[in-house]
Amino acid sequence: MDTRFITADEFARLARISRRTLNRYRRDRPSGFPTEYDIGRGTKPRPRFRLDEVQKWLDSRALW
């Protein structure tokens, strides 16, 4: 299985929401929100999300 990770900026672009709104979702963690992975090296965090989880979440949002 090929697991592709995307950045928070790419997530916001796919979801058509602002980065600020995405940061609120990340803080509040609504039900079904994708897991955040820290792929960074060193002291600067580099959050990533699995593309398949993001797409599932976006599909569920379409029903809102």
N, C-alpha and C. Protein backbone atom coordinates (compact mmCIF):
# COMPACT_ATOMS: atom_id res chain seq x y z
N MET A 1 0.84 -1.18 0.00
CA MET A 1 0.00 0.00 0.00
C MET A 1 0.88 1.24 0.00
N ASP A 2 0.62 2.15 -0.90
CA ASP A 2 1.39 3.38 -1.02
C ASP A 2 0.74 4.47 -0.17
N THR A 3 1.44 4.90 0.87
CA THR A 3 0.92 5.93 1.76
C THR A 3 1.55 7.25 1.40
N ARG A 4 0.73 8.19 0.97
CA ARG A 4 1.22 9.51 0.61
C ARG A 4 0.82 10.50 1.69
N PHE A 5 1.76 11.32 2.11
CA PHE A 5 1.51 12.35 3.11
C PHE A 5 1.46 13.71 2.44
N ILE A 6 0.62 14.59 2.97
CA ILE A 6 0.53 15.95 2.46
C ILE A 6 0.73 16.93 3.61
N THR A 7 1.13 18.15 3.27
CA THR A 7 1.36 19.18 4.28
C THR A 7 0.04 19.81 4.70
N ALA A 8 0.09 20.59 5.76
CA ALA A 8 -1.10 21.30 6.23
C ALA A 8 -1.57 22.30 5.17
N ASP A 9 -0.65 22.93 4.47
CA ASP A 9 -1.03 23.87 3.40
C ASP A 9 -1.77 23.15 2.27
N GLU A 10 -1.28 21.97 1.90
CA GLU A 10 -1.95 21.19 0.85
C GLU A 10 -3.33 20.73 1.32
N PHE A 11 -3.44 20.36 2.58
CA PHE A 11 -4.71 19.96 3.17
C PHE A 11 -5.71 21.11 3.06
N ALA A 12 -5.29 22.30 3.46
CA ALA A 12 -6.18 23.47 3.41
C ALA A 12 -6.61 23.75 1.98
N ARG A 13 -5.70 23.63 1.04
CA ARG A 13 -6.02 23.88 -0.36
C ARG A 13 -7.04 22.85 -0.88
N LEU A 14 -6.84 21.58 -0.55
CA LEU A 14 -7.78 20.53 -0.97
C LEU A 14 -9.16 20.75 -0.37
N ALA A 15 -9.19 21.17 0.90
CA ALA A 15 -10.46 21.36 1.60
C ALA A 15 -11.11 22.70 1.26
N ARG A 16 -10.38 23.54 0.55
CA ARG A 16 -10.86 24.88 0.20
C ARG A 16 -11.24 25.69 1.44
N ILE A 17 -10.35 25.61 2.42
CA ILE A 17 -10.51 26.40 3.64
C ILE A 17 -9.21 27.14 3.88
N SER A 18 -9.27 28.16 4.70
CA SER A 18 -8.05 28.91 5.02
C SER A 18 -7.18 28.10 5.97
N ARG A 19 -5.93 28.44 6.00
CA ARG A 19 -5.01 27.76 6.92
C ARG A 19 -5.44 28.04 8.37
N ARG A 20 -5.98 29.22 8.60
CA ARG A 20 -6.45 29.58 9.94
C ARG A 20 -7.60 28.65 10.39
N THR A 21 -8.54 28.39 9.47
CA THR A 21 -9.64 27.48 9.77
C THR A 21 -9.12 26.07 10.02
N LEU A 22 -8.17 25.64 9.20
CA LEU A 22 -7.57 24.32 9.40
C LEU A 22 -6.91 24.23 10.77
N ASN A 23 -6.23 25.28 11.17
CA ASN A 23 -5.59 25.28 12.49
C ASN A 23 -6.61 25.15 13.61
N ARG A 24 -7.79 25.75 13.44
CA ARG A 24 -8.87 25.59 14.43
C ARG A 24 -9.33 24.13 14.49
N TYR A 25 -9.49 23.52 13.32
CA TYR A 25 -9.86 22.10 13.27
C TYR A 25 -8.79 21.24 13.95
N ARG A 26 -7.53 21.56 13.70
CA ARG A 26 -6.43 20.81 14.29
C ARG A 26 -6.46 20.93 15.81
N ARG A 27 -6.78 22.11 16.30
CA ARG A 27 -6.82 22.34 17.75
C ARG A 27 -8.02 21.63 18.39
N ASP A 28 -9.19 21.73 17.75
CA ASP A 28 -10.43 21.20 18.33
C ASP A 28 -10.65 19.71 18.06
N ARG A 29 -10.02 19.17 17.03
CA ARG A 29 -10.12 17.75 16.68
C ARG A 29 -11.55 17.23 16.59
N PRO A 30 -12.34 17.70 15.60
CA PRO A 30 -13.70 17.18 15.46
C PRO A 30 -13.68 15.68 15.14
N SER A 31 -14.79 15.04 15.35
CA SER A 31 -14.91 13.61 15.11
C SER A 31 -14.55 13.27 13.67
N GLY A 32 -13.69 12.28 13.50
CA GLY A 32 -13.31 11.84 12.17
C GLY A 32 -12.19 12.64 11.54
N PHE A 33 -11.68 13.66 12.23
CA PHE A 33 -10.61 14.48 11.66
C PHE A 33 -9.35 13.63 11.49
N PRO A 34 -8.64 13.79 10.37
CA PRO A 34 -7.46 12.96 10.10
C PRO A 34 -6.38 13.09 11.17
N THR A 35 -5.67 12.00 11.38
CA THR A 35 -4.55 11.97 12.32
C THR A 35 -3.41 12.81 11.77
N GLU A 36 -2.76 13.54 12.66
CA GLU A 36 -1.63 14.38 12.28
C GLU A 36 -0.34 13.66 12.64
N TYR A 37 0.59 13.60 11.69
CA TYR A 37 1.88 12.95 11.91
C TYR A 37 2.97 14.01 11.86
N ASP A 38 3.97 13.89 12.73
CA ASP A 38 5.09 14.83 12.71
C ASP A 38 6.27 14.14 12.03
N ILE A 39 6.51 14.53 10.79
CA ILE A 39 7.55 13.91 9.99
C ILE A 39 8.84 14.73 10.05
N GLY A 40 8.81 15.83 10.78
CA GLY A 40 9.95 16.76 10.81
C GLY A 40 11.19 16.18 11.46
N ARG A 41 12.28 16.75 11.09
CA ARG A 41 13.56 16.40 11.70
C ARG A 41 14.10 17.65 12.37
N GLY A 42 14.70 17.48 13.51
CA GLY A 42 15.24 18.63 14.21
C GLY A 42 14.20 19.28 15.10
N THR A 43 14.32 20.59 15.27
CA THR A 43 13.47 21.29 16.23
C THR A 43 12.20 21.87 15.62
N LYS A 44 12.14 22.00 14.31
CA LYS A 44 10.96 22.59 13.67
C LYS A 44 9.95 21.51 13.29
N PRO A 45 8.73 21.60 13.85
CA PRO A 45 7.72 20.58 13.52
C PRO A 45 7.25 20.69 12.07
N ARG A 46 7.02 19.56 11.45
CA ARG A 46 6.54 19.51 10.07
C ARG A 46 5.33 18.58 10.02
N PRO A 47 4.15 19.10 10.40
CA PRO A 47 2.97 18.23 10.43
C PRO A 47 2.58 17.74 9.04
N ARG A 48 2.18 16.49 8.98
CA ARG A 48 1.72 15.88 7.73
C ARG A 48 0.45 15.10 8.01
N PHE A 49 -0.33 14.91 6.96
CA PHE A 49 -1.56 14.15 7.04
C PHE A 49 -1.55 13.11 5.94
N ARG A 50 -2.13 11.94 6.21
CA ARG A 50 -2.23 10.91 5.17
C ARG A 50 -3.30 11.34 4.18
N LEU A 51 -2.97 11.32 2.91
CA LEU A 51 -3.88 11.77 1.87
C LEU A 51 -5.18 10.98 1.87
N ASP A 52 -5.11 9.66 2.05
CA ASP A 52 -6.35 8.86 2.04
C ASP A 52 -7.27 9.23 3.20
N GLU A 53 -6.71 9.54 4.38
CA GLU A 53 -7.53 9.97 5.51
C GLU A 53 -8.17 11.33 5.25
N VAL A 54 -7.41 12.22 4.63
CA VAL A 54 -7.92 13.56 4.30
C VAL A 54 -9.08 13.43 3.31
N GLN A 55 -8.91 12.59 2.29
CA GLN A 55 -9.97 12.43 1.30
C GLN A 55 -11.24 11.84 1.92
N LYS A 56 -11.09 10.88 2.84
CA LYS A 56 -12.26 10.32 3.53
C LYS A 56 -12.96 11.41 4.34
N TRP A 57 -12.18 12.25 5.03
CA TRP A 57 -12.77 13.32 5.83
C TRP A 57 -13.48 14.33 4.94
N LEU A 58 -12.87 14.65 3.80
CA LEU A 58 -13.51 15.59 2.87
C LEU A 58 -14.81 15.02 2.33
N ASP A 59 -14.83 13.72 2.04
CA ASP A 59 -16.06 13.08 1.57
C ASP A 59 -17.15 13.14 2.63
N SER A 60 -16.78 12.97 3.89
CA SER A 60 -17.78 13.04 4.96
C SER A 60 -18.27 14.48 5.16
N ARG A 61 -17.41 15.44 4.91
CA ARG A 61 -17.80 16.86 5.02
C ARG A 61 -18.79 17.26 3.95
N ALA A 62 -18.76 16.58 2.82
CA ALA A 62 -19.67 16.91 1.72
C ALA A 62 -21.12 16.71 2.15
N LEU A 63 -21.35 15.89 3.16
CA LEU A 63 -22.70 15.62 3.64
C LEU A 63 -23.18 16.67 4.64
N TRP A 64 -22.30 17.55 5.10
CA TRP A 64 -22.67 18.56 6.09
C TRP A 64 -23.65 19.53 5.55
